Amino acid sequence: MKLELCDIQKSFGEKQVLQGVSFTAQSGQAFGLLGRNGAGKTTSIRILMDVFPPDSGAVHVDGQPIDYKKMKIGYLPEERGLYPKKLIIDQLVYFALLKGMRQKAAVAAVDYWLERLDMTEYRNRRLDTLSKGNQQKIQLITALAHDPHIVILDEPFSGLDPVNAILLKDVVKEQVAKGKIVLFSSHQMHYIEEFCENIAILRDGRVTLTGSLHDIKRGYVRDRLVVYTEAPGVIRQDFGERCSVLADGGLMIQLEDPGEKQVMMRRLVETYEIDGMQIYEPSLNDIFVQYAGDADQKGGR
């Protein structure tokens, strides 16, 4: 299954929020939709979900306009939208019914997910008695209980402790393995790097970069080496301004020419006590800053 947003335009009053947004997400993969606040991510998601229509452009599945009567979408919003005073089981079943499930199937699906997320003991509790992280897990059930074809997760790891974050990671991997389209929107770049094969970065309602994250990284000039050593002082002294210290204690050496990588690696190993060495690749955070930042700050690849 292939999901496409095709040249989506959207204005509210005189403000044009989306200016020709296009990207493609495939089933069995996680897709990262990135951008700063106000870049157009939420508007793109709402158009995808048919909350409101675009001014022009279209949403396609496998080359045809999406049929919202057949295509099930699960959505975990960044802001919680459940009822704090209601029993958890009642509102989870209610939301499942709204998404077309029968009563018996809805109860069974909710109970499955309560057990899967270690939340069965809270089944008959009010939502406002739960911690922030457990409320996030309950809201996740509303996105998954009806077995959607497309799963949209907006800041899914917000409020989760490390144990629950691992649990959610497993759930996301299961959804991808089942052939779902999983769409991530997050500012936590390490999660996007872990899950997403493809990304799109928005800025001011336009897509500034989209494609395979692996290919995007490989597209950068490979003219820096990262070196790990127990004696960094000598290397820093010898390389001067061409050497900088990374947050993890490694040294980054700027090459004069990308073609000298192999020669420089041999020289380093022969001259210094080297514990480890690799060619530097930009992190997704580096790429995000470059392509999601202000237009006059954007550098070239």
C-alpha atoms as a PDB file:
ATOM      1  CA  MET A   1       0.000   0.000   0.000  1.00  0.00           C
ATOM      2  CA  LYS A   2       1.285   3.441  -0.950  1.00  0.00           C
ATOM      3  CA  LEU A   3      -0.002   6.642   0.647  1.00  0.00           C
ATOM      4  CA  GLU A   4       0.607   9.899  -1.223  1.00  0.00           C
ATOM      5  CA  LEU A   5      -0.057  13.519  -0.399  1.00  0.00           C
ATOM      6  CA  CYS A   6      -0.094  15.207  -3.802  1.00  0.00           C
ATOM      7  CA  ASP A   7       0.568  18.951  -4.063  1.00  0.00           C
ATOM      8  CA  ILE A   8      -1.593  19.873  -1.067  1.00  0.00           C
ATOM      9  CA  GLN A   9      -2.476  23.570  -0.766  1.00  0.00           C
ATOM     10  CA  LYS A  10      -4.341  24.986   2.228  1.00  0.00           C
ATOM     11  CA  SER A  11      -5.095  28.497   3.433  1.00  0.00           C
ATOM     12  CA  PHE A  12      -6.951  29.822   6.453  1.00  0.00           C
ATOM     13  CA  GLY A  13      -8.149  33.308   5.636  1.00  0.00           C
ATOM     14  CA  GLU A  14      -5.239  35.185   4.104  1.00  0.00           C
ATOM     15  CA  LYS A  15      -2.602  32.866   5.559  1.00  0.00           C
ATOM     16  CA  GLN A  16      -1.398  30.079   3.279  1.00  0.00           C
ATOM     17  CA  VAL A  17      -0.430  27.237   5.600  1.00  0.00           C
ATOM     18  CA  LEU A  18       0.472  24.544   3.062  1.00  0.00           C
ATOM     19  CA  GLN A  19       2.153  25.401  -0.233  1.00  0.00           C
ATOM     20  CA  GLY A  20       2.250  22.311  -2.402  1.00  0.00           C
ATOM     21  CA  VAL A  21       3.050  19.623   0.166  1.00  0.00           C
ATOM     22  CA  SER A  22       3.844  16.243  -1.406  1.00  0.00           C
ATOM     23  CA  PHE A  23       5.322  13.092   0.090  1.00  0.00           C
ATOM     24  CA  THR A  24       4.929   9.316  -0.138  1.00  0.00           C
ATOM     25  CA  ALA A  25       4.739   6.700   2.629  1.00  0.00           C
ATOM     26  CA  GLN A  26       4.805   2.934   2.083  1.00  0.00           C
ATOM     27  CA  SER A  27       3.140   0.130   4.033  1.00  0.00           C
ATOM     28  CA  GLY A  28       5.452  -1.904   6.203  1.00  0.00           C
ATOM     29  CA  GLN A  29       7.579   1.168   6.882  1.00  0.00           C
ATOM     30  CA  ALA A  30       7.611   4.036   9.338  1.00  0.00           C
ATOM     31  CA  PHE A  31       7.668   7.534   7.852  1.00  0.00           C
ATOM     32  CA  GLY A  32       8.880  10.611   9.720  1.00  0.00           C
ATOM     33  CA  LEU A  33       7.030  13.908   9.182  1.00  0.00           C
ATOM     34  CA  LEU A  34       9.250  16.602  10.670  1.00  0.00           C
ATOM     35  CA  GLY A  35       9.258  20.344  11.080  1.00  0.00           C
ATOM     36  CA  ARG A  36       9.307  23.122  13.609  1.00  0.00           C
ATOM     37  CA  ASN A  37       6.119  24.278  15.297  1.00  0.00           C
ATOM     38  CA  GLY A  38       3.976  26.027  12.702  1.00  0.00           C
ATOM     39  CA  ALA A  39       5.663  24.345   9.737  1.00  0.00           C
ATOM     40  CA  GLY A  40       2.429  22.655   8.582  1.00  0.00           C
ATOM     41  CA  LYS A  41       2.680  19.164  10.082  1.00  0.00           C
ATOM     42  CA  THR A  42      -0.630  19.251  11.964  1.00  0.00           C
ATOM     43  CA  THR A  43      -2.518  20.723   9.008  1.00  0.00           C
ATOM     44  CA  SER A  44      -1.073  18.008   6.739  1.00  0.00           C
ATOM     45  CA  ILE A  45      -2.156  15.324   9.199  1.00  0.00           C
ATOM     46  CA  ARG A  46      -5.674  16.756   9.503  1.00  0.00           C
ATOM     47  CA  ILE A  47      -6.088  16.829   5.742  1.00  0.00           C
ATOM     48  CA  LEU A  48      -4.814  13.248   5.557  1.00  0.00           C
ATOM     49  CA  MET A  49      -7.421  12.284   8.170  1.00  0.00           C
ATOM     50  CA  ASP A  50     -10.218  14.159   6.320  1.00  0.00           C
ATOM     51  CA  VAL A  51     -10.800  16.550   9.227  1.00  0.00           C
ATOM     52  CA  PHE A  52     -11.043  19.256   6.577  1.00  0.00           C
ATOM     53  CA  PRO A  53     -10.362  19.267   2.825  1.00  0.00           C
ATOM     54  CA  PRO A  54      -7.398  20.839   1.036  1.00  0.00           C
ATOM     55  CA  ASP A  55      -7.929  23.874  -1.161  1.00  0.00           C
ATOM     56  CA  SER A  56      -6.276  21.861  -3.921  1.00  0.00           C
ATOM     57  CA  GLY A  57      -4.298  18.666  -4.286  1.00  0.00           C
ATOM     58  CA  ALA A  58      -5.325  15.206  -3.144  1.00  0.00           C
ATOM     59  CA  VAL A  59      -4.616  12.271  -0.847  1.00  0.00           C
ATOM     60  CA  HIS A  60      -4.108   9.017  -2.742  1.00  0.00           C
ATOM     61  CA  VAL A  61      -3.742   5.374  -1.786  1.00  0.00           C
ATOM     62  CA  ASP A  62      -2.209   3.181  -4.477  1.00  0.00           C
ATOM     63  CA  GLY A  63      -2.757   5.896  -7.059  1.00  0.00           C
ATOM     64  CA  GLN A  64      -6.449   6.423  -6.338  1.00  0.00           C
ATOM     65  CA  PRO A  65      -8.230   9.020  -4.151  1.00  0.00           C
ATOM     66  CA  ILE A  66      -8.375   7.669  -0.608  1.00  0.00           C
ATOM     67  CA  ASP A  67     -11.702   6.059   0.333  1.00  0.00           C
ATOM     68  CA  TYR A  68     -12.298   7.024   3.959  1.00  0.00           C
ATOM     69  CA  LYS A  69     -15.175   4.528   4.233  1.00  0.00           C
ATOM     70  CA  LYS A  70     -12.713   1.677   3.651  1.00  0.00           C
ATOM     71  CA  MET A  71      -9.398   3.049   4.907  1.00  0.00           C
ATOM     72  CA  LYS A  72      -9.106   2.908   8.705  1.00  0.00           C
ATOM     73  CA  ILE A  73      -6.862   5.488  10.339  1.00  0.00           C
ATOM     74  CA  GLY A  74      -5.612   5.478  13.920  1.00  0.00           C
ATOM     75  CA  TYR A  75      -4.405   8.748  15.425  1.00  0.00           C
ATOM     76  CA  LEU A  76      -2.471   9.458  18.601  1.00  0.00           C
ATOM     77  CA  PRO A  77      -2.512  13.253  19.034  1.00  0.00           C
ATOM     78  CA  GLU A  78       0.162  15.198  20.865  1.00  0.00           C
ATOM     79  CA  GLU A  79      -2.508  16.755  23.102  1.00  0.00           C
ATOM     80  CA  ARG A  80      -4.653  14.312  25.060  1.00  0.00           C
ATOM     81  CA  GLY A  81      -8.294  14.193  24.050  1.00  0.00           C
ATOM     82  CA  LEU A  82      -9.888  11.680  26.424  1.00  0.00           C
ATOM     83  CA  TYR A  83     -12.346  12.206  29.273  1.00  0.00           C
ATOM     84  CA  PRO A  84     -10.532  12.477  32.621  1.00  0.00           C
ATOM     85  CA  LYS A  85     -13.576  11.669  34.784  1.00  0.00           C
ATOM     86  CA  LYS A  86     -14.813   8.657  32.806  1.00  0.00           C
ATOM     87  CA  LEU A  87     -13.916   5.006  33.364  1.00  0.00           C
ATOM     88  CA  ILE A  88     -11.155   3.850  31.063  1.00  0.00           C
ATOM     89  CA  ILE A  89     -12.985   0.773  29.761  1.00  0.00           C
ATOM     90  CA  ASP A  90     -16.136   2.756  28.960  1.00  0.00           C
ATOM     91  CA  GLN A  91     -14.433   5.410  26.895  1.00  0.00           C
ATOM     92  CA  LEU A  92     -12.058   3.038  25.111  1.00  0.00           C
ATOM     93  CA  VAL A  93     -14.973   0.894  23.992  1.00  0.00           C
ATOM     94  CA  TYR A  94     -16.918   4.033  23.057  1.00  0.00           C
ATOM     95  CA  PHE A  95     -14.128   5.234  20.758  1.00  0.00           C
ATOM     96  CA  ALA A  96     -13.814   1.796  19.194  1.00  0.00           C
ATOM     97  CA  LEU A  97     -17.559   1.799  18.472  1.00  0.00           C
ATOM     98  CA  LEU A  98     -17.259   5.210  16.836  1.00  0.00           C
ATOM     99  CA  LYS A  99     -14.675   3.700  14.500  1.00  0.00           C
ATOM    100  CA  GLY A 100     -17.076   1.014  13.333  1.00  0.00           C
ATOM    101  CA  MET A 101     -16.432  -1.921  15.661  1.00  0.00           C
ATOM    102  CA  ARG A 102     -19.181  -4.105  17.139  1.00  0.00           C
ATOM    103  CA  GLN A 103     -19.609  -4.086  20.911  1.00  0.00           C
ATOM    104  CA  LYS A 104     -18.211  -7.571  21.534  1.00  0.00           C
ATOM    105  CA  ALA A 105     -15.249  -7.072  19.211  1.00  0.00           C
ATOM    106  CA  ALA A 106     -14.567  -3.644  20.701  1.00  0.00           C
ATOM    107  CA  VAL A 107     -14.423  -4.989  24.258  1.00  0.00           C
ATOM    108  CA  ALA A 108     -12.156  -7.855  23.181  1.00  0.00           C
ATOM    109  CA  ALA A 109      -9.801  -5.518  21.318  1.00  0.00           C
ATOM    110  CA  VAL A 110      -9.620  -3.054  24.213  1.00  0.00           C
ATOM    111  CA  ASP A 111      -8.897  -5.831  26.701  1.00  0.00           C
ATOM    112  CA  TYR A 112      -6.178  -7.178  24.430  1.00  0.00           C
ATOM    113  CA  TRP A 113      -4.462  -3.800  24.283  1.00  0.00           C
ATOM    114  CA  LEU A 114      -4.862  -3.163  27.998  1.00  0.00           C
ATOM    115  CA  GLU A 115      -3.024  -6.427  28.623  1.00  0.00           C
ATOM    116  CA  ARG A 116      -0.456  -5.759  25.881  1.00  0.00           C
ATOM    117  CA  LEU A 117       0.429  -2.404  27.439  1.00  0.00           C
ATOM    118  CA  ASP A 118       0.387  -3.685  31.047  1.00  0.00           C
ATOM    119  CA  MET A 119      -2.701  -1.616  31.845  1.00  0.00           C
ATOM    120  CA  THR A 120      -5.299  -4.276  32.751  1.00  0.00           C
ATOM    121  CA  GLU A 121      -5.312  -3.271  36.428  1.00  0.00           C
ATOM    122  CA  TYR A 122      -6.566   0.188  35.420  1.00  0.00           C
ATOM    123  CA  ARG A 123      -9.482  -1.102  33.341  1.00  0.00           C
ATOM    124  CA  ASN A 124     -12.176   0.165  35.693  1.00  0.00           C
ATOM    125  CA  ARG A 125     -10.355   3.265  36.910  1.00  0.00           C
ATOM    126  CA  ARG A 126     -10.958   6.886  35.961  1.00  0.00           C
ATOM    127  CA  LEU A 127      -8.430   8.343  33.569  1.00  0.00           C
ATOM    128  CA  ASP A 128      -7.463  11.207  35.895  1.00  0.00           C
ATOM    129  CA  THR A 129      -6.179   8.730  38.506  1.00  0.00           C
ATOM    130  CA  LEU A 130      -3.362   7.630  36.169  1.00  0.00           C
ATOM    131  CA  SER A 131       0.107   9.069  35.703  1.00  0.00           C
ATOM    132  CA  LYS A 132       0.902  11.116  32.594  1.00  0.00           C
ATOM    133  CA  GLY A 133       2.733   8.194  31.005  1.00  0.00           C
ATOM    134  CA  ASN A 134      -0.102   5.742  31.634  1.00  0.00           C
ATOM    135  CA  GLN A 135      -2.611   8.223  30.238  1.00  0.00           C
ATOM    136  CA  GLN A 136      -0.476   8.294  27.089  1.00  0.00           C
ATOM    137  CA  LYS A 137      -0.712   4.504  26.848  1.00  0.00           C
ATOM    138  CA  ILE A 138      -4.496   4.624  27.232  1.00  0.00           C
ATOM    139  CA  GLN A 139      -4.721   7.185  24.445  1.00  0.00           C
ATOM    140  CA  LEU A 140      -2.530   4.939  22.289  1.00  0.00           C
ATOM    141  CA  ILE A 141      -5.167   2.206  22.623  1.00  0.00           C
ATOM    142  CA  THR A 142      -7.735   4.513  20.998  1.00  0.00           C
ATOM    143  CA  ALA A 143      -5.431   4.685  17.978  1.00  0.00           C
ATOM    144  CA  LEU A 144      -4.856   0.936  17.683  1.00  0.00           C
ATOM    145  CA  ALA A 145      -7.909  -0.950  18.972  1.00  0.00           C
ATOM    146  CA  HIS A 146      -9.808  -0.831  15.648  1.00  0.00           C
ATOM    147  CA  ASP A 147      -6.807  -2.308  13.752  1.00  0.00           C
ATOM    148  CA  PRO A 148      -6.179   0.646  11.408  1.00  0.00           C
ATOM    149  CA  HIS A 149      -4.411   0.531   8.060  1.00  0.00           C
ATOM    150  CA  ILE A 150      -2.642   3.845   8.738  1.00  0.00           C
ATOM    151  CA  VAL A 151      -1.270   4.703  12.194  1.00  0.00           C
ATOM    152  CA  ILE A 152      -0.401   8.353  12.882  1.00  0.00           C
ATOM    153  CA  LEU A 153       1.656   8.990  16.007  1.00  0.00           C
ATOM    154  CA  ASP A 154       2.223  12.599  17.068  1.00  0.00           C
ATOM    155  CA  GLU A 155       4.927  12.810  19.786  1.00  0.00           C
ATOM    156  CA  PRO A 156       4.116   9.237  20.924  1.00  0.00           C
ATOM    157  CA  PHE A 157       6.926   9.000  23.497  1.00  0.00           C
ATOM    158  CA  SER A 158       5.885  12.112  25.402  1.00  0.00           C
ATOM    159  CA  GLY A 159       5.719  11.428  29.140  1.00  0.00           C
ATOM    160  CA  LEU A 160       6.903   7.814  28.910  1.00  0.00           C
ATOM    161  CA  ASP A 161       9.605   6.488  31.223  1.00  0.00           C
ATOM    162  CA  PRO A 162      12.372   4.319  29.689  1.00  0.00           C
ATOM    163  CA  VAL A 163      10.539   1.037  30.427  1.00  0.00           C
ATOM    164  CA  ASN A 164       7.308   2.205  28.785  1.00  0.00           C
ATOM    165  CA  ALA A 165       9.274   3.723  25.906  1.00  0.00           C
ATOM    166  CA  ILE A 166      10.720   0.268  25.173  1.00  0.00           C
ATOM    167  CA  LEU A 167       7.211  -1.200  25.305  1.00  0.00           C
ATOM    168  CA  LEU A 168       5.963   1.384  22.834  1.00  0.00           C
ATOM    169  CA  LYS A 169       8.925   0.721  20.552  1.00  0.00           C
ATOM    170  CA  ASP A 170       7.931  -2.948  20.446  1.00  0.00           C
ATOM    171  CA  VAL A 171       4.342  -2.029  19.614  1.00  0.00           C
ATOM    172  CA  VAL A 172       5.440   0.265  16.793  1.00  0.00           C
ATOM    173  CA  LYS A 173       7.692  -2.448  15.341  1.00  0.00           C
ATOM    174  CA  GLU A 174       4.757  -4.879  15.475  1.00  0.00           C
ATOM    175  CA  GLN A 175       2.556  -2.465  13.534  1.00  0.00           C
ATOM    176  CA  VAL A 176       5.228  -1.980  10.889  1.00  0.00           C
ATOM    177  CA  ALA A 177       5.744  -5.762  10.635  1.00  0.00           C
ATOM    178  CA  LYS A 178       1.997  -6.181  10.035  1.00  0.00           C
ATOM    179  CA  GLY A 179       2.263  -4.036   6.909  1.00  0.00           C
ATOM    180  CA  LYS A 180       0.748  -0.874   8.352  1.00  0.00           C
ATOM    181  CA  ILE A 181       1.747   2.608   7.274  1.00  0.00           C
ATOM    182  CA  VAL A 182       3.127   4.227  10.420  1.00  0.00           C
ATOM    183  CA  LEU A 183       3.500   7.994  10.283  1.00  0.00           C
ATOM    184  CA  PHE A 184       5.626   9.632  12.983  1.00  0.00           C
ATOM    185  CA  SER A 185       5.640  13.295  13.895  1.00  0.00           C
ATOM    186  CA  SER A 186       8.155  14.096  16.604  1.00  0.00           C
ATOM    187  CA  HIS A 187      10.882  16.471  17.730  1.00  0.00           C
ATOM    188  CA  GLN A 188      12.752  13.572  19.360  1.00  0.00           C
ATOM    189  CA  MET A 189      15.110  12.865  16.482  1.00  0.00           C
ATOM    190  CA  HIS A 190      16.687   9.728  17.932  1.00  0.00           C
ATOM    191  CA  TYR A 191      13.307   7.953  17.756  1.00  0.00           C
ATOM    192  CA  ILE A 192      12.809   9.022  14.146  1.00  0.00           C
ATOM    193  CA  GLU A 193      16.285   7.720  13.281  1.00  0.00           C
ATOM    194  CA  GLU A 194      15.536   4.426  14.998  1.00  0.00           C
ATOM    195  CA  PHE A 195      12.227   3.745  13.263  1.00  0.00           C
ATOM    196  CA  CYS A 196      11.897   5.691  10.034  1.00  0.00           C
ATOM    197  CA  GLU A 197      13.319   4.665   6.682  1.00  0.00           C
ATOM    198  CA  ASN A 198      11.943   7.751   4.950  1.00  0.00           C
ATOM    199  CA  ILE A 199      11.284  11.307   6.071  1.00  0.00           C
ATOM    200  CA  ALA A 200       9.862  14.623   4.944  1.00  0.00           C
ATOM    201  CA  ILE A 201      10.898  17.921   6.508  1.00  0.00           C
ATOM    202  CA  LEU A 202       8.511  20.868   6.316  1.00  0.00           C
ATOM    203  CA  ARG A 203       9.330  24.545   6.606  1.00  0.00           C
ATOM    204  CA  ASP A 204       6.787  27.336   6.147  1.00  0.00           C
ATOM    205  CA  GLY A 205       4.281  24.969   4.566  1.00  0.00           C
ATOM    206  CA  ARG A 206       6.693  23.526   2.017  1.00  0.00           C
ATOM    207  CA  VAL A 207       8.622  20.260   1.853  1.00  0.00           C
ATOM    208  CA  THR A 208      12.295  21.207   1.972  1.00  0.00           C
ATOM    209  CA  LEU A 209      13.610  17.638   1.991  1.00  0.00           C
ATOM    210  CA  THR A 210      12.106  14.189   1.497  1.00  0.00           C
ATOM    211  CA  GLY A 211      13.385  10.713   0.742  1.00  0.00           C
ATOM    212  CA  SER A 212      15.312   7.826   2.238  1.00  0.00           C
ATOM    213  CA  LEU A 213      17.109   8.856   5.410  1.00  0.00           C
ATOM    214  CA  HIS A 214      19.987   6.528   4.508  1.00  0.00           C
ATOM    215  CA  ASP A 215      20.350   8.106   1.057  1.00  0.00           C
ATOM    216  CA  ILE A 216      20.070  11.619   2.473  1.00  0.00           C
ATOM    217  CA  LYS A 217      22.924  10.955   4.880  1.00  0.00           C
ATOM    218  CA  ARG A 218      25.041   9.340   2.175  1.00  0.00           C
ATOM    219  CA  GLY A 219      24.451  12.407   0.019  1.00  0.00           C
ATOM    220  CA  TYR A 220      26.513  14.591   2.298  1.00  0.00           C
ATOM    221  CA  VAL A 221      30.197  15.082   1.483  1.00  0.00           C
ATOM    222  CA  ARG A 222      32.118  12.480   3.464  1.00  0.00           C
ATOM    223  CA  ASP A 223      35.023  14.689   4.407  1.00  0.00           C
ATOM    224  CA  ARG A 224      35.243  14.246   8.168  1.00  0.00           C
ATOM    225  CA  LEU A 225      36.588  11.462  10.379  1.00  0.00           C
ATOM    226  CA  VAL A 226      35.597  10.703  13.965  1.00  0.00           C
ATOM    227  CA  VAL A 227      38.444   9.333  16.090  1.00  0.00           C
ATOM    228  CA  TYR A 228      38.352   7.859  19.581  1.00  0.00           C
ATOM    229  CA  THR A 229      41.536   7.791  21.632  1.00  0.00           C
ATOM    230  CA  GLU A 230      42.687   7.804  25.251  1.00  0.00           C
ATOM    231  CA  ALA A 231      45.195  10.555  24.432  1.00  0.00           C
ATOM    232  CA  PRO A 232      43.342  13.246  22.452  1.00  0.00           C
ATOM    233  CA  GLY A 233      45.706  16.076  23.343  1.00  0.00           C
ATOM    234  CA  VAL A 234      48.441  15.172  20.848  1.00  0.00           C
ATOM    235  CA  ILE A 235      45.981  14.791  17.950  1.00  0.00           C
ATOM    236  CA  ARG A 236      44.294  18.096  18.781  1.00  0.00           C
ATOM    237  CA  GLN A 237      47.661  19.813  18.887  1.00  0.00           C
ATOM    238  CA  ASP A 238      48.817  18.309  15.575  1.00  0.00           C
ATOM    239  CA  PHE A 239      45.600  19.060  13.659  1.00  0.00           C
ATOM    240  CA  GLY A 240      44.799  22.425  15.238  1.00  0.00           C
ATOM    241  CA  GLU A 241      41.626  24.072  13.937  1.00  0.00           C
ATOM    242  CA  ARG A 242      40.855  21.046  11.766  1.00  0.00           C
ATOM    243  CA  CYS A 243      40.126  19.035  14.936  1.00  0.00           C
ATOM    244  CA  SER A 244      37.115  19.554  17.226  1.00  0.00           C
ATOM    245  CA  VAL A 245      35.774  17.666  20.237  1.00  0.00           C
ATOM    246  CA  LEU A 246      32.363  15.979  20.032  1.00  0.00           C
ATOM    247  CA  ALA A 247      29.871  15.632  22.876  1.00  0.00           C
ATOM    248  CA  ASP A 248      30.786  11.953  23.378  1.00  0.00           C
ATOM    249  CA  GLY A 249      34.492  12.761  23.708  1.00  0.00           C
ATOM    250  CA  GLY A 250      35.413  11.739  20.172  1.00  0.00           C
ATOM    251  CA  LEU A 251      37.537  13.963  17.940  1.00  0.00           C
ATOM    252  CA  MET A 252      36.226  15.126  14.573  1.00  0.00           C
ATOM    253  CA  ILE A 253      38.919  15.802  11.991  1.00  0.00           C
ATOM    254  CA  GLN A 254      38.090  17.862   8.923  1.00  0.00           C
ATOM    255  CA  LEU A 255      39.800  16.529   5.792  1.00  0.00           C
ATOM    256  CA  GLU A 256      41.214  18.850   3.179  1.00  0.00           C
ATOM    257  CA  ASP A 257      39.904  16.538   0.453  1.00  0.00           C
ATOM    258  CA  PRO A 258      37.277  13.732   0.731  1.00  0.00           C
ATOM    259  CA  GLY A 259      39.566  11.574  -1.392  1.00  0.00           C
ATOM    260  CA  GLU A 260      42.199  11.425   1.350  1.00  0.00           C
ATOM    261  CA  LYS A 261      40.040   9.400   3.748  1.00  0.00           C
ATOM    262  CA  GLN A 262      41.932   6.126   3.402  1.00  0.00           C
ATOM    263  CA  VAL A 263      45.371   7.760   3.516  1.00  0.00           C
ATOM    264  CA  MET A 264      44.425   9.776   6.607  1.00  0.00           C
ATOM    265  CA  MET A 265      42.968   6.727   8.376  1.00  0.00           C
ATOM    266  CA  ARG A 266      46.204   4.790   7.834  1.00  0.00           C
ATOM    267  CA  ARG A 267      48.247   7.753   9.017  1.00  0.00           C
ATOM    268  CA  LEU A 268      46.204   8.103  12.201  1.00  0.00           C
ATOM    269  CA  VAL A 269      46.464   4.397  13.048  1.00  0.00           C
ATOM    270  CA  GLU A 270      50.210   4.338  12.394  1.00  0.00           C
ATOM    271  CA  THR A 271      50.951   7.567  14.303  1.00  0.00           C
ATOM    272  CA  TYR A 272      48.610   7.595  17.309  1.00  0.00           C
ATOM    273  CA  GLU A 273      46.999   5.204  19.803  1.00  0.00           C
ATOM    274  CA  ILE A 274      43.559   4.879  18.197  1.00  0.00           C
ATOM    275  CA  ASP A 275      40.689   3.017  19.896  1.00  0.00           C
ATOM    276  CA  GLY A 276      38.148   3.514  17.155  1.00  0.00           C
ATOM    277  CA  MET A 277      37.543   5.480  13.971  1.00  0.00           C
ATOM    278  CA  GLN A 278      34.730   6.072  11.493  1.00  0.00           C
ATOM    279  CA  ILE A 279      33.634   8.398   8.710  1.00  0.00           C
ATOM    280  CA  TYR A 280      31.357  11.096  10.117  1.00  0.00           C
ATOM    281  CA  GLU A 281      27.728  11.051   9.004  1.00  0.00           C
ATOM    282  CA  PRO A 282      25.395  13.882   9.951  1.00  0.00           C
ATOM    283  CA  SER A 283      22.764  13.036  12.539  1.00  0.00           C
ATOM    284  CA  LEU A 284      19.089  13.601  11.787  1.00  0.00           C
ATOM    285  CA  ASN A 285      19.279  16.477  14.237  1.00  0.00           C
ATOM    286  CA  ASP A 286      21.967  18.107  12.048  1.00  0.00           C
ATOM    287  CA  ILE A 287      19.818  17.588   8.952  1.00  0.00           C
ATOM    288  CA  PHE A 288      16.714  18.904  10.712  1.00  0.00           C
ATOM    289  CA  VAL A 289      18.461  22.097  11.804  1.00  0.00           C
ATOM    290  CA  GLN A 290      19.669  22.670   8.247  1.00  0.00           C
ATOM    291  CA  TYR A 291      16.375  22.049   6.451  1.00  0.00           C
ATOM    292  CA  ALA A 292      13.790  23.116   9.034  1.00  0.00           C
ATOM    293  CA  GLY A 293      15.543  26.281  10.159  1.00  0.00           C
ATOM    294  CA  ASP A 294      15.098  29.797   8.843  1.00  0.00           C
ATOM    295  CA  ALA A 295      15.472  30.051   5.092  1.00  0.00           C
ATOM    296  CA  ASP A 296      18.384  32.495   5.314  1.00  0.00           C
ATOM    297  CA  GLN A 297      20.272  30.062   7.566  1.00  0.00           C
ATOM    298  CA  LYS A 298      19.965  27.049   5.253  1.00  0.00           C
ATOM    299  CA  GLY A 299      23.280  25.786   3.931  1.00  0.00           C
ATOM    300  CA  GLY A 300      23.940  23.543   0.972  1.00  0.00           C
ATOM    301  CA  ARG A 301      24.509  19.817   1.050  1.00  0.00           C
END
